[in-house]
Each structure stands twice: as C-alpha cells, then as structure tokens.
Amino acid sequence: MSQKRIYKQYPQEFKEEAVALVTEQGYSVPEAAKSLGIATNLLYRWKEKQEQSASELRPSETELEELKRLRQEVKTLRMEKEILKGIRIIWLLCEIERWATSKTHNGLTG
C-alpha cells in the first residue's frame, strides 16, 4: 500500500518574512532557505509569486500618464473654480453697491 505524501503548509506571514530575508536583508535564496529549514525551490517559488503579485498591482506606463493628465486637469479645474468664485463675489459686491446707490439717489435712505 502506498502512502500519500503530506506537504507542510506555511502561513502567509511566514512566506512573506522568508522572502523579505532575500529581498530586504540581502540573504541569498539558498542561505535563507537553509536557515529556515525549507527547500530552496520553495523559497524561489514564494519569491516569484510575490514579485508577480507586486507587478500586477503596479500601474502601467499608460495608467501613470493618464493619472498625471487627470491630476493636471483637476488642478486646472480647481483654479478655474476659485476664479469663478472671485468673479461671483465681485459681481455681488457691484450689485450691492448699485442697489445702495439707487436707494440713495431715489431718496429712500434715512
């Protein structure tokens, strides 16, 4: 009777820390794998999987250009909004002055 091989499962945090030994602390994959008591090819797989996940999350060059363009557009629109607010305030002040002037000329003030 043949027995099924049982594979040890490692928590995600352990995998991330193992890969960090290589990517952040400068250990080679064989050194890190040996110190953790795991197979070298396993650590290579974890590292590759983490790198693929990271590259999928990174925006593409086209997306970065679009983001830059949209940020510039937002900046322009905000400036235009502030200018229009200023124009509205000036217009309201002129209307108030015109109204006050017309009341004075019509003899309606006390």
Protein backbone atom coordinates (compact mmCIF):
# COMPACT_ATOMS: atom_id res chain seq x y z
CA MET A 1 0.00 0.00 0.00
CA SER A 2 1.43 3.40 -0.97
CA GLN A 3 1.18 6.37 1.29
CA LYS A 4 0.21 9.83 0.12
CA ARG A 5 2.84 12.46 0.55
CA ILE A 6 1.87 15.12 3.07
CA TYR A 7 3.08 18.61 2.28
CA LYS A 8 3.68 21.07 5.05
CA GLN A 9 1.70 24.25 4.69
CA TYR A 10 3.21 27.52 5.79
CA PRO A 11 1.28 30.60 6.89
CA GLN A 12 1.31 33.56 4.51
CA GLU A 13 3.16 35.68 7.06
CA PHE A 14 5.97 33.12 7.22
CA LYS A 15 6.25 33.14 3.42
CA GLU A 16 6.38 36.94 3.32
CA GLU A 17 9.05 37.09 6.01
CA ALA A 18 11.08 34.40 4.27
CA VAL A 19 11.00 36.37 1.01
CA ALA A 20 11.87 39.55 2.93
CA LEU A 21 15.09 37.89 4.11
CA VAL A 22 16.13 37.74 0.47
CA THR A 23 14.65 40.98 -0.89
CA GLU A 24 15.22 43.31 2.05
CA GLN A 25 18.03 41.85 4.12
CA GLY A 26 20.33 40.67 1.37
CA TYR A 27 20.39 36.94 2.06
CA SER A 28 20.72 34.65 -0.92
CA VAL A 29 17.82 32.29 -1.53
CA PRO A 30 19.87 29.20 -0.57
CA GLU A 31 21.11 30.87 2.63
CA ALA A 32 17.64 31.96 3.69
CA ALA A 33 16.09 28.60 2.82
CA LYS A 34 18.75 26.72 4.80
CA SER A 35 18.36 28.94 7.85
CA LEU A 36 14.58 28.49 7.76
CA GLY A 37 14.75 24.76 7.13
CA ILE A 38 12.83 24.83 3.88
CA ALA A 39 13.62 23.72 0.34
CA THR A 40 15.38 26.27 -1.87
CA ASN A 41 12.96 25.79 -4.75
CA LEU A 42 10.05 26.54 -2.37
CA LEU A 43 11.54 29.89 -1.43
CA TYR A 44 12.21 30.67 -5.12
CA ARG A 45 8.53 29.98 -5.85
CA TRP A 46 7.34 32.20 -2.99
CA LYS A 47 9.64 34.98 -4.14
CA GLU A 48 8.47 34.71 -7.75
CA LYS A 49 4.82 34.67 -6.71
CA GLN A 50 5.29 37.75 -4.53
CA GLU A 51 7.09 39.60 -7.34
CA GLN A 52 4.29 38.74 -9.79
CA SER A 53 1.67 39.98 -7.34
CA ALA A 54 3.59 43.22 -6.84
CA SER A 55 3.99 43.83 -10.57
CA GLU A 56 0.27 43.27 -11.16
CA LEU A 57 -0.52 45.96 -8.60
CA ARG A 58 1.84 48.49 -10.16
CA PRO A 59 0.14 50.83 -12.65
CA SER A 60 1.25 50.59 -16.26
CA GLU A 61 3.05 53.41 -18.07
CA THR A 62 -0.21 54.35 -19.82
CA GLU A 63 -2.05 54.45 -16.50
CA LEU A 64 0.66 56.64 -14.97
CA GLU A 65 0.41 59.08 -17.89
CA GLU A 66 -3.39 59.16 -17.56
CA LEU A 67 -3.07 59.76 -13.82
CA LYS A 68 -0.66 62.65 -14.43
CA ARG A 69 -3.01 64.16 -17.02
CA LEU A 70 -6.03 63.83 -14.73
CA ARG A 71 -4.18 65.41 -11.80
CA GLN A 72 -3.25 68.37 -14.00
CA GLU A 73 -6.88 68.64 -15.15
CA VAL A 74 -8.10 68.63 -11.54
CA LYS A 75 -5.58 71.35 -10.68
CA THR A 76 -6.78 73.47 -13.61
CA LEU A 77 -10.45 72.96 -12.73
CA ARG A 78 -9.82 73.94 -9.11
CA MET A 79 -8.09 77.13 -10.22
CA GLU A 80 -10.98 77.93 -12.58
CA LYS A 81 -13.44 77.32 -9.74
CA GLU A 82 -11.58 79.75 -7.48
CA ILE A 83 -11.51 82.36 -10.25
CA LEU A 84 -15.25 81.97 -10.79
CA LYS A 85 -15.85 82.32 -7.04
CA GLY A 86 -13.89 85.58 -7.11
CA ILE A 87 -15.83 86.85 -10.11
CA ARG A 88 -19.12 85.99 -8.39
CA ILE A 89 -18.06 87.88 -5.25
CA ILE A 90 -17.07 90.93 -7.32
CA TRP A 91 -20.38 90.76 -9.20
CA LEU A 92 -22.35 90.53 -5.92
CA LEU A 93 -20.44 93.50 -4.46
CA CYS A 94 -21.19 95.52 -7.60
CA GLU A 95 -24.87 94.61 -7.34
CA ILE A 96 -24.97 95.63 -3.68
CA GLU A 97 -23.24 98.91 -4.49
CA ARG A 98 -25.64 99.54 -7.39
CA TRP A 99 -28.60 98.78 -5.15
CA ALA A 100 -27.25 101.05 -2.38
CA THR A 101 -26.56 103.80 -4.91
CA SER A 102 -30.05 103.55 -6.39
CA LYS A 103 -31.60 103.75 -2.92
CA THR A 104 -29.53 106.86 -2.14
CA HIS A 105 -30.46 108.55 -5.44
CA ASN A 106 -34.11 107.73 -5.01
CA GLY A 107 -34.12 109.36 -1.58
CA LEU A 108 -35.03 106.19 0.23
CA THR A 109 -32.26 106.36 2.81
CA GLY A 110 -32.84 107.89 6.24
